[in-house]
């Protein structure tokens, strides 16, 4: 009986540690979804503006959107990591 109780206690501790890690992973996956959404939004803007532009302005519109995307990715990356690492408890502790 005592061996079963010890085994159940070990299993309970393992399950509690696994569930704590699961909560961390689920809260971190938000950032990956936001990254994918940001890429999809920029691709949509690119497709829309190139389709809605006149033929002579298609290249300029495409370059503008590609440069905006190339500028926004590092900007969001650096400012996002700054906010993420600077405020461990959130903006309102």
Protein backbone atom coordinates (compact mmCIF):
# COMPACT_ATOMS: atom_id res chain seq x y z
CA UNK A 1 0.00 0.00 0.00
CA UNK A 2 2.81 2.41 0.87
CA UNK A 3 4.58 1.63 -2.41
CA UNK A 4 1.43 2.41 -4.37
CA UNK A 5 1.01 5.65 -2.46
CA UNK A 6 4.62 6.64 -3.21
CA UNK A 7 4.15 5.76 -6.90
CA UNK A 8 0.95 7.81 -7.06
CA UNK A 9 2.69 10.75 -5.38
CA UNK A 10 5.49 10.62 -7.98
CA UNK A 11 2.96 10.47 -10.82
CA UNK A 12 1.05 13.41 -9.35
CA UNK A 13 4.25 15.48 -9.12
CA UNK A 14 5.10 14.63 -12.74
CA UNK A 15 1.61 15.60 -13.90
CA UNK A 16 1.73 18.89 -12.00
CA UNK A 17 5.08 19.82 -13.54
CA UNK A 18 3.83 18.88 -17.01
CA UNK A 19 0.69 20.97 -16.60
CA UNK A 20 2.74 23.97 -15.46
CA UNK A 21 4.89 23.69 -18.60
CA UNK A 22 1.76 23.38 -20.72
CA UNK A 23 0.48 26.68 -19.37
CA UNK A 24 3.75 28.38 -20.27
CA UNK A 25 3.72 26.97 -23.79
CA UNK A 26 0.10 27.97 -24.32
CA UNK A 27 0.78 31.54 -23.25
CA UNK A 28 3.87 31.76 -25.49
CA UNK A 29 2.11 30.43 -28.61
CA UNK A 30 0.26 33.75 -28.79
CA UNK A 31 3.42 35.41 -30.11
CA UNK A 32 3.79 32.85 -32.92
CA UNK A 33 0.17 33.36 -33.98
CA UNK A 34 0.68 37.14 -34.00
CA UNK A 35 3.76 36.74 -36.19
CA UNK A 36 1.86 34.63 -38.71
CA UNK A 37 -1.02 37.10 -38.68
CA UNK A 38 1.34 40.02 -39.31
CA UNK A 39 2.86 38.23 -42.33
CA UNK A 40 -0.59 37.39 -43.70
CA UNK A 41 -1.77 40.98 -43.31
CA UNK A 42 1.24 42.34 -45.20
CA UNK A 43 0.81 39.75 -47.95
CA UNK A 44 -2.85 40.73 -48.23
CA UNK A 45 -2.00 44.43 -48.49
CA UNK A 46 0.58 43.63 -51.14
CA UNK A 47 -1.87 41.59 -53.21
CA UNK A 48 -4.67 44.12 -52.85
CA UNK A 49 -2.62 47.18 -53.72
CA UNK A 50 -0.91 45.52 -56.66
CA UNK A 51 -4.29 44.36 -57.97
CA UNK A 52 -5.99 47.72 -57.44
CA UNK A 53 -3.16 49.81 -58.93
CA UNK A 54 -2.83 50.84 -62.53
CA UNK A 55 -0.28 48.92 -64.56
CA UNK A 56 2.32 51.67 -64.43
CA UNK A 57 2.14 51.82 -60.60
CA UNK A 58 2.18 48.09 -59.83
CA UNK A 59 5.94 47.86 -59.35
CA UNK A 60 6.05 50.95 -57.12
CA UNK A 61 3.20 49.60 -55.01
CA UNK A 62 4.88 46.21 -54.65
CA UNK A 63 8.24 47.73 -53.68
CA UNK A 64 6.52 50.00 -51.15
CA UNK A 65 4.82 47.07 -49.44
CA UNK A 66 7.92 44.87 -49.48
CA UNK A 67 9.99 47.69 -47.93
CA UNK A 68 7.28 48.31 -45.32
CA UNK A 69 7.35 44.62 -44.43
CA UNK A 70 11.17 44.59 -44.31
CA UNK A 71 11.10 47.59 -41.97
CA UNK A 72 8.28 46.37 -39.72
CA UNK A 73 9.67 42.89 -39.00
CA UNK A 74 12.86 44.06 -37.21
CA UNK A 75 11.00 46.94 -35.57
CA UNK A 76 8.33 44.70 -34.08
CA UNK A 77 10.99 42.14 -33.16
CA UNK A 78 13.22 44.52 -31.20
CA UNK A 79 10.46 46.54 -29.55
CA UNK A 80 8.50 43.38 -28.80
CA UNK A 81 11.43 41.69 -27.10
CA UNK A 82 12.19 44.89 -25.20
CA UNK A 83 8.64 45.02 -23.82
CA UNK A 84 8.58 41.27 -23.19
CA UNK A 85 11.86 41.26 -21.25
CA UNK A 86 11.53 44.66 -19.54
CA UNK A 87 8.11 44.11 -17.97
CA UNK A 88 8.08 40.64 -16.42
CA UNK A 89 4.81 41.27 -14.60
CA UNK A 90 3.13 43.13 -17.44
CA UNK A 91 2.71 46.86 -17.93
CA UNK A 92 0.58 47.13 -14.78
CA UNK A 93 2.19 45.09 -11.95
